[in-house]
Amino acid sequence: MAPVIGYFRVRGVGEPIILTLKQAKAAYNLRIYKLGDAPDYDKSEWLNEKYKLGLDFPNVPYYIDGDIKITQSLAILRHVGRVNDLAPRTELETIRSDIFEQGAFEILDSCWPTWYAKSDQEFEERRPGLVSYLVEKLTHTSNALGSNKFVLGDRVTYVDFLLYSTLDYIRLFKPSLLDPHANLKQFLDRIEALPEINKYLKSEDYYRFPITGTMSKWGNAKSHEPY
């Protein structure tokens, strides 16, 4: 049987896993849990199963393939990359991949507190600081990527899809942040032009929003206008 990936219907931290599987032409099944609207943001569908799946660290996204049961999005992403030959092959490649992986995840992790602010006022107060942070981090990312087609050169790996999702979310949040970085825009175009990814992006299974859950202040199905 194909592995099962459990998650909410958001792009979030699950999308890089899906993109890696798509690139590998690997079969999988999605278990999508409903996430309710305000004021309760009901998660009961997930909570009713959370402790019944045999997960060491019960959380979503999860990946179950027979006796293999994984949570933590980066652990899943690395596993999917390794088993589909979309992972680093040498120690030097692993070092570079690890740096980009941690860098992209750090950027994404820094966006959540603003996008999931508890009030509109808190969102507006946090937004300028996030934008300043992203200006600096995107410069670092652009310099590190340089003229490479992909993170490790000419060969696409799982870390490219983590970087892609991170950059795409930022592009949708504030498009002008990428304007100084032609190589990052070209990287996004290059990922989207990969045949399997292009096919997925044009399919009914793909959605640009929601990126975030219903309780967020930006990135959900209703609140996602660019700034």
C-alpha atoms as a PDB file:
ATOM      1  CA  MET A   1       0.000   0.000   0.000  1.00  0.00           C
ATOM      2  CA  ALA A   2       1.040   3.585  -0.593  1.00  0.00           C
ATOM      3  CA  PRO A   3       2.147   5.651   2.411  1.00  0.00           C
ATOM      4  CA  VAL A   4      -0.413   7.868   4.113  1.00  0.00           C
ATOM      5  CA  ILE A   5       0.240  11.524   4.861  1.00  0.00           C
ATOM      6  CA  GLY A   6      -2.030  13.149   7.417  1.00  0.00           C
ATOM      7  CA  TYR A   7      -2.440  16.919   7.555  1.00  0.00           C
ATOM      8  CA  PHE A   8      -4.924  19.752   7.469  1.00  0.00           C
ATOM      9  CA  ARG A   9      -5.951  21.277   4.149  1.00  0.00           C
ATOM     10  CA  VAL A  10      -3.232  23.924   4.213  1.00  0.00           C
ATOM     11  CA  ARG A  11       0.041  24.194   2.327  1.00  0.00           C
ATOM     12  CA  GLY A  12       2.011  24.977   5.488  1.00  0.00           C
ATOM     13  CA  VAL A  13       4.940  22.714   6.349  1.00  0.00           C
ATOM     14  CA  GLY A  14       3.391  19.790   4.483  1.00  0.00           C
ATOM     15  CA  GLU A  15       3.771  21.125   0.961  1.00  0.00           C
ATOM     16  CA  PRO A  16       7.516  20.418   0.539  1.00  0.00           C
ATOM     17  CA  ILE A  17       6.787  16.763   1.335  1.00  0.00           C
ATOM     18  CA  ILE A  18       4.068  16.610  -1.318  1.00  0.00           C
ATOM     19  CA  LEU A  19       6.263  18.335  -3.907  1.00  0.00           C
ATOM     20  CA  THR A  20       9.100  15.889  -3.251  1.00  0.00           C
ATOM     21  CA  LEU A  21       6.732  12.952  -3.722  1.00  0.00           C
ATOM     22  CA  LYS A  22       5.364  14.507  -6.907  1.00  0.00           C
ATOM     23  CA  GLN A  23       8.861  15.002  -8.303  1.00  0.00           C
ATOM     24  CA  ALA A  24       9.628  11.350  -7.520  1.00  0.00           C
ATOM     25  CA  LYS A  25       6.357  10.149  -9.086  1.00  0.00           C
ATOM     26  CA  ALA A  26       5.804   8.296  -5.816  1.00  0.00           C
ATOM     27  CA  ALA A  27       2.348   7.087  -4.835  1.00  0.00           C
ATOM     28  CA  TYR A  28       0.792   8.316  -1.592  1.00  0.00           C
ATOM     29  CA  ASN A  29      -2.594   8.830   0.021  1.00  0.00           C
ATOM     30  CA  LEU A  30      -3.682  11.965   1.846  1.00  0.00           C
ATOM     31  CA  ARG A  31      -5.663  11.932   5.074  1.00  0.00           C
ATOM     32  CA  ILE A  32      -7.025  15.461   5.329  1.00  0.00           C
ATOM     33  CA  TYR A  33      -8.391  16.573   8.693  1.00  0.00           C
ATOM     34  CA  LYS A  34     -11.038  19.261   8.887  1.00  0.00           C
ATOM     35  CA  LEU A  35     -10.073  22.506  10.597  1.00  0.00           C
ATOM     36  CA  GLY A  36     -13.063  24.499  11.780  1.00  0.00           C
ATOM     37  CA  ASP A  37     -13.776  28.205  11.518  1.00  0.00           C
ATOM     38  CA  ALA A  38     -14.016  30.829  14.260  1.00  0.00           C
ATOM     39  CA  PRO A  39     -14.713  30.996  17.086  1.00  0.00           C
ATOM     40  CA  ASP A  40     -13.860  27.400  18.042  1.00  0.00           C
ATOM     41  CA  TYR A  41     -11.456  26.398  15.233  1.00  0.00           C
ATOM     42  CA  ASP A  42     -12.577  22.828  15.778  1.00  0.00           C
ATOM     43  CA  LYS A  43      -9.830  20.193  15.423  1.00  0.00           C
ATOM     44  CA  SER A  44     -11.835  17.291  16.822  1.00  0.00           C
ATOM     45  CA  GLU A  45     -11.454  15.181  13.684  1.00  0.00           C
ATOM     46  CA  TRP A  46      -7.683  15.136  14.216  1.00  0.00           C
ATOM     47  CA  LEU A  47      -7.817  15.033  18.006  1.00  0.00           C
ATOM     48  CA  ASN A  48     -10.035  11.945  17.902  1.00  0.00           C
ATOM     49  CA  GLU A  49      -7.260  10.065  16.076  1.00  0.00           C
ATOM     50  CA  LYS A  50      -4.172  11.781  17.471  1.00  0.00           C
ATOM     51  CA  TYR A  51      -3.277   9.146  20.064  1.00  0.00           C
ATOM     52  CA  LYS A  52      -4.575   6.118  18.158  1.00  0.00           C
ATOM     53  CA  LEU A  53      -2.031   5.991  15.326  1.00  0.00           C
ATOM     54  CA  GLY A  54       1.018   4.732  17.206  1.00  0.00           C
ATOM     55  CA  LEU A  55       3.022   7.911  16.634  1.00  0.00           C
ATOM     56  CA  ASP A  56       5.936   8.560  19.004  1.00  0.00           C
ATOM     57  CA  PHE A  57       5.391  12.313  18.786  1.00  0.00           C
ATOM     58  CA  PRO A  58       1.722  12.653  17.785  1.00  0.00           C
ATOM     59  CA  ASN A  59       1.371  15.583  15.431  1.00  0.00           C
ATOM     60  CA  VAL A  60       0.543  16.571  11.880  1.00  0.00           C
ATOM     61  CA  PRO A  61       1.853  16.219   9.318  1.00  0.00           C
ATOM     62  CA  TYR A  62       2.503  12.533   9.815  1.00  0.00           C
ATOM     63  CA  TYR A  63       3.747   9.847   7.430  1.00  0.00           C
ATOM     64  CA  ILE A  64       2.752   6.205   7.829  1.00  0.00           C
ATOM     65  CA  ASP A  65       4.104   3.489   5.555  1.00  0.00           C
ATOM     66  CA  GLY A  66       3.485   0.106   7.150  1.00  0.00           C
ATOM     67  CA  ASP A  67       5.660  -0.066  10.257  1.00  0.00           C
ATOM     68  CA  ILE A  68       7.354   3.238   9.404  1.00  0.00           C
ATOM     69  CA  LYS A  69       5.638   6.043  11.288  1.00  0.00           C
ATOM     70  CA  ILE A  70       7.150   9.519  11.206  1.00  0.00           C
ATOM     71  CA  THR A  71       6.157  12.928  12.515  1.00  0.00           C
ATOM     72  CA  GLN A  72       8.038  16.249  12.450  1.00  0.00           C
ATOM     73  CA  SER A  73       7.912  17.726   8.967  1.00  0.00           C
ATOM     74  CA  LEU A  74      11.663  17.842   8.376  1.00  0.00           C
ATOM     75  CA  ALA A  75      12.093  14.217   9.435  1.00  0.00           C
ATOM     76  CA  ILE A  76       9.394  13.217   6.945  1.00  0.00           C
ATOM     77  CA  LEU A  77      10.915  15.371   4.218  1.00  0.00           C
ATOM     78  CA  ARG A  78      14.384  13.880   4.695  1.00  0.00           C
ATOM     79  CA  HIS A  79      13.016  10.328   4.643  1.00  0.00           C
ATOM     80  CA  VAL A  80      11.006  10.936   1.480  1.00  0.00           C
ATOM     81  CA  GLY A  81      14.073  12.489  -0.128  1.00  0.00           C
ATOM     82  CA  ARG A  82      16.344   9.587   0.818  1.00  0.00           C
ATOM     83  CA  VAL A  83      14.061   6.778  -0.340  1.00  0.00           C
ATOM     84  CA  ASN A  84      13.426   8.525  -3.672  1.00  0.00           C
ATOM     85  CA  ASP A  85      17.042   9.515  -4.460  1.00  0.00           C
ATOM     86  CA  LEU A  86      16.239  13.182  -3.946  1.00  0.00           C
ATOM     87  CA  ALA A  87      18.705  13.650  -1.106  1.00  0.00           C
ATOM     88  CA  PRO A  88      22.386  14.653  -0.904  1.00  0.00           C
ATOM     89  CA  ARG A  89      24.850  11.949  -1.988  1.00  0.00           C
ATOM     90  CA  THR A  90      28.123  13.171  -0.493  1.00  0.00           C
ATOM     91  CA  GLU A  91      29.188  14.743   2.783  1.00  0.00           C
ATOM     92  CA  LEU A  92      29.796  18.109   1.115  1.00  0.00           C
ATOM     93  CA  GLU A  93      26.341  17.986  -0.466  1.00  0.00           C
ATOM     94  CA  THR A  94      24.846  17.045   2.894  1.00  0.00           C
ATOM     95  CA  ILE A  95      26.511  20.007   4.601  1.00  0.00           C
ATOM     96  CA  ARG A  96      25.203  22.460   1.999  1.00  0.00           C
ATOM     97  CA  SER A  97      21.763  20.867   2.046  1.00  0.00           C
ATOM     98  CA  ASP A  98      21.612  21.018   5.848  1.00  0.00           C
ATOM     99  CA  ILE A  99      22.519  24.712   5.845  1.00  0.00           C
ATOM    100  CA  PHE A 100      19.825  25.575   3.305  1.00  0.00           C
ATOM    101  CA  GLU A 101      17.310  23.333   5.041  1.00  0.00           C
ATOM    102  CA  GLN A 102      17.873  24.992   8.389  1.00  0.00           C
ATOM    103  CA  GLY A 103      17.943  28.439   6.806  1.00  0.00           C
ATOM    104  CA  ALA A 104      14.677  27.992   4.911  1.00  0.00           C
ATOM    105  CA  PHE A 105      12.939  26.432   7.900  1.00  0.00           C
ATOM    106  CA  GLU A 106      14.163  29.226  10.174  1.00  0.00           C
ATOM    107  CA  ILE A 107      12.722  31.820   7.793  1.00  0.00           C
ATOM    108  CA  LEU A 108       9.405  30.012   7.625  1.00  0.00           C
ATOM    109  CA  ASP A 109       9.305  29.488  11.370  1.00  0.00           C
ATOM    110  CA  SER A 110       9.840  33.217  11.861  1.00  0.00           C
ATOM    111  CA  CYS A 111       6.773  34.022   9.743  1.00  0.00           C
ATOM    112  CA  TRP A 112       4.284  32.008  11.780  1.00  0.00           C
ATOM    113  CA  PRO A 113       4.096  34.323  14.852  1.00  0.00           C
ATOM    114  CA  THR A 114       3.045  37.234  12.630  1.00  0.00           C
ATOM    115  CA  TRP A 115       0.745  35.278  10.353  1.00  0.00           C
ATOM    116  CA  TYR A 116      -0.854  33.609  13.386  1.00  0.00           C
ATOM    117  CA  ALA A 117      -1.043  36.786  15.475  1.00  0.00           C
ATOM    118  CA  LYS A 118      -3.836  36.715  18.044  1.00  0.00           C
ATOM    119  CA  SER A 119      -5.397  39.973  16.866  1.00  0.00           C
ATOM    120  CA  ASP A 120      -5.360  42.335  13.904  1.00  0.00           C
ATOM    121  CA  GLN A 121      -3.515  44.853  16.052  1.00  0.00           C
ATOM    122  CA  GLU A 122      -0.820  42.345  16.950  1.00  0.00           C
ATOM    123  CA  PHE A 123      -0.479  41.408  13.280  1.00  0.00           C
ATOM    124  CA  GLU A 124       0.052  45.037  12.275  1.00  0.00           C
ATOM    125  CA  GLU A 125       2.538  45.548  15.099  1.00  0.00           C
ATOM    126  CA  ARG A 126       4.545  42.467  14.132  1.00  0.00           C
ATOM    127  CA  ARG A 127       4.453  42.939  10.357  1.00  0.00           C
ATOM    128  CA  PRO A 128       7.175  45.643   9.990  1.00  0.00           C
ATOM    129  CA  GLY A 129       9.619  43.599  12.053  1.00  0.00           C
ATOM    130  CA  LEU A 130       8.944  40.501   9.978  1.00  0.00           C
ATOM    131  CA  VAL A 131       9.469  42.417   6.749  1.00  0.00           C
ATOM    132  CA  SER A 132      12.815  43.784   7.984  1.00  0.00           C
ATOM    133  CA  TYR A 133      13.882  40.294   9.013  1.00  0.00           C
ATOM    134  CA  LEU A 134      12.901  38.863   5.628  1.00  0.00           C
ATOM    135  CA  VAL A 135      14.849  41.550   3.759  1.00  0.00           C
ATOM    136  CA  GLU A 136      18.017  40.420   5.543  1.00  0.00           C
ATOM    137  CA  LYS A 137      17.379  36.682   5.261  1.00  0.00           C
ATOM    138  CA  LEU A 138      16.437  36.804   1.585  1.00  0.00           C
ATOM    139  CA  THR A 139      19.715  38.601   0.877  1.00  0.00           C
ATOM    140  CA  HIS A 140      21.613  35.810   2.638  1.00  0.00           C
ATOM    141  CA  THR A 141      19.648  33.179   0.725  1.00  0.00           C
ATOM    142  CA  SER A 142      20.199  34.887  -2.613  1.00  0.00           C
ATOM    143  CA  ASN A 143      23.930  35.202  -2.005  1.00  0.00           C
ATOM    144  CA  ALA A 144      24.205  31.568  -0.940  1.00  0.00           C
ATOM    145  CA  LEU A 145      22.260  30.248  -3.929  1.00  0.00           C
ATOM    146  CA  GLY A 146      24.307  32.349  -6.335  1.00  0.00           C
ATOM    147  CA  SER A 147      24.084  31.173  -9.931  1.00  0.00           C
ATOM    148  CA  ASN A 148      23.161  27.586  -9.035  1.00  0.00           C
ATOM    149  CA  LYS A 149      20.141  26.129 -10.784  1.00  0.00           C
ATOM    150  CA  PHE A 150      19.210  24.301  -7.591  1.00  0.00           C
ATOM    151  CA  VAL A 151      20.638  24.242  -4.080  1.00  0.00           C
ATOM    152  CA  LEU A 152      23.114  21.462  -4.914  1.00  0.00           C
ATOM    153  CA  GLY A 153      23.798  22.578  -8.467  1.00  0.00           C
ATOM    154  CA  ASP A 154      22.140  20.896 -11.421  1.00  0.00           C
ATOM    155  CA  ARG A 155      20.362  18.138  -9.470  1.00  0.00           C
ATOM    156  CA  VAL A 156      17.082  18.820  -7.700  1.00  0.00           C
ATOM    157  CA  THR A 157      16.692  17.483  -4.148  1.00  0.00           C
ATOM    158  CA  TYR A 158      14.141  17.689  -1.367  1.00  0.00           C
ATOM    159  CA  VAL A 159      15.653  20.863   0.077  1.00  0.00           C
ATOM    160  CA  ASP A 160      14.753  22.702  -3.135  1.00  0.00           C
ATOM    161  CA  PHE A 161      11.087  22.104  -2.415  1.00  0.00           C
ATOM    162  CA  LEU A 162      11.421  23.400   1.136  1.00  0.00           C
ATOM    163  CA  LEU A 163      13.114  26.504  -0.226  1.00  0.00           C
ATOM    164  CA  TYR A 164      10.502  26.823  -2.972  1.00  0.00           C
ATOM    165  CA  SER A 165       7.550  26.753  -0.575  1.00  0.00           C
ATOM    166  CA  THR A 166       9.230  29.223   1.773  1.00  0.00           C
ATOM    167  CA  LEU A 167       9.961  31.678  -1.033  1.00  0.00           C
ATOM    168  CA  ASP A 168       6.544  31.273  -2.607  1.00  0.00           C
ATOM    169  CA  TYR A 169       4.754  32.005   0.674  1.00  0.00           C
ATOM    170  CA  ILE A 170       6.879  35.142   1.069  1.00  0.00           C
ATOM    171  CA  ARG A 171       6.176  36.132  -2.541  1.00  0.00           C
ATOM    172  CA  LEU A 172       2.453  35.884  -1.855  1.00  0.00           C
ATOM    173  CA  PHE A 173       2.771  37.789   1.428  1.00  0.00           C
ATOM    174  CA  LYS A 174       4.816  40.710   0.067  1.00  0.00           C
ATOM    175  CA  PRO A 175       5.817  40.307  -3.600  1.00  0.00           C
ATOM    176  CA  SER A 176       8.265  43.228  -3.586  1.00  0.00           C
ATOM    177  CA  LEU A 177      10.553  41.398  -1.147  1.00  0.00           C
ATOM    178  CA  LEU A 178      11.842  39.249  -3.999  1.00  0.00           C
ATOM    179  CA  ASP A 179      12.325  42.108  -6.464  1.00  0.00           C
ATOM    180  CA  PRO A 180      16.032  42.663  -5.605  1.00  0.00           C
ATOM    181  CA  HIS A 181      16.816  38.963  -6.102  1.00  0.00           C
ATOM    182  CA  ALA A 182      16.537  37.851  -9.722  1.00  0.00           C
ATOM    183  CA  ASN A 183      18.145  34.502  -8.939  1.00  0.00           C
ATOM    184  CA  LEU A 184      15.466  33.655  -6.361  1.00  0.00           C
ATOM    185  CA  LYS A 185      12.718  34.504  -8.847  1.00  0.00           C
ATOM    186  CA  GLN A 186      14.454  32.354 -11.453  1.00  0.00           C
ATOM    187  CA  PHE A 187      14.715  29.548  -8.911  1.00  0.00           C
ATOM    188  CA  LEU A 188      10.954  29.699  -8.330  1.00  0.00           C
ATOM    189  CA  ASP A 189      10.335  29.609 -12.080  1.00  0.00           C
ATOM    190  CA  ARG A 190      12.731  26.682 -12.455  1.00  0.00           C
ATOM    191  CA  ILE A 191      10.955  24.609  -9.809  1.00  0.00           C
ATOM    192  CA  GLU A 192       7.564  25.386 -11.328  1.00  0.00           C
ATOM    193  CA  ALA A 193       8.850  24.315 -14.756  1.00  0.00           C
ATOM    194  CA  LEU A 194       9.849  20.818 -13.596  1.00  0.00           C
ATOM    195  CA  PRO A 195       7.454  18.554 -15.550  1.00  0.00           C
ATOM    196  CA  GLU A 196       5.989  16.709 -12.566  1.00  0.00           C
ATOM    197  CA  ILE A 197       5.690  19.877 -10.496  1.00  0.00           C
ATOM    198  CA  ASN A 198       4.182  21.822 -13.377  1.00  0.00           C
ATOM    199  CA  LYS A 199       1.605  19.087 -13.853  1.00  0.00           C
ATOM    200  CA  TYR A 200       0.718  19.191 -10.155  1.00  0.00           C
ATOM    201  CA  LEU A 201       0.463  22.993 -10.037  1.00  0.00           C
ATOM    202  CA  LYS A 202      -2.034  22.872 -12.896  1.00  0.00           C
ATOM    203  CA  SER A 203      -4.091  20.080 -11.353  1.00  0.00           C
ATOM    204  CA  GLU A 204      -7.242  20.290  -9.256  1.00  0.00           C
ATOM    205  CA  ASP A 205      -5.294  18.937  -6.283  1.00  0.00           C
ATOM    206  CA  TYR A 206      -3.186  22.090  -5.976  1.00  0.00           C
ATOM    207  CA  TYR A 207      -4.260  25.290  -4.225  1.00  0.00           C
ATOM    208  CA  ARG A 208      -2.320  28.517  -3.568  1.00  0.00           C
ATOM    209  CA  PHE A 209      -4.345  29.205  -0.444  1.00  0.00           C
ATOM    210  CA  PRO A 210      -4.777  28.402   2.349  1.00  0.00           C
ATOM    211  CA  ILE A 211      -1.156  28.452   3.406  1.00  0.00           C
ATOM    212  CA  THR A 212      -2.146  28.828   7.043  1.00  0.00           C
ATOM    213  CA  GLY A 213      -5.015  27.614   9.200  1.00  0.00           C
ATOM    214  CA  THR A 214      -8.351  29.280   9.779  1.00  0.00           C
ATOM    215  CA  MET A 215      -7.180  31.007  12.969  1.00  0.00           C
ATOM    216  CA  SER A 216      -4.406  32.933  11.192  1.00  0.00           C
ATOM    217  CA  LYS A 217      -4.442  36.630  10.314  1.00  0.00           C
ATOM    218  CA  TRP A 218      -2.775  36.105   6.953  1.00  0.00           C
ATOM    219  CA  GLY A 219      -2.500  33.209   4.532  1.00  0.00           C
ATOM    220  CA  ASN A 220      -5.813  31.470   5.132  1.00  0.00           C
ATOM    221  CA  ALA A 221      -8.606  31.012   2.618  1.00  0.00           C
ATOM    222  CA  LYS A 222     -10.189  34.379   3.465  1.00  0.00           C
ATOM    223  CA  SER A 223      -7.307  36.670   4.468  1.00  0.00           C
ATOM    224  CA  HIS A 224      -4.425  36.527   2.033  1.00  0.00           C
ATOM    225  CA  GLU A 225      -4.121  39.838   0.220  1.00  0.00           C
ATOM    226  CA  PRO A 226      -0.473  40.785  -0.466  1.00  0.00           C
ATOM    227  CA  TYR A 227       1.143  43.706   1.349  1.00  0.00           C
END
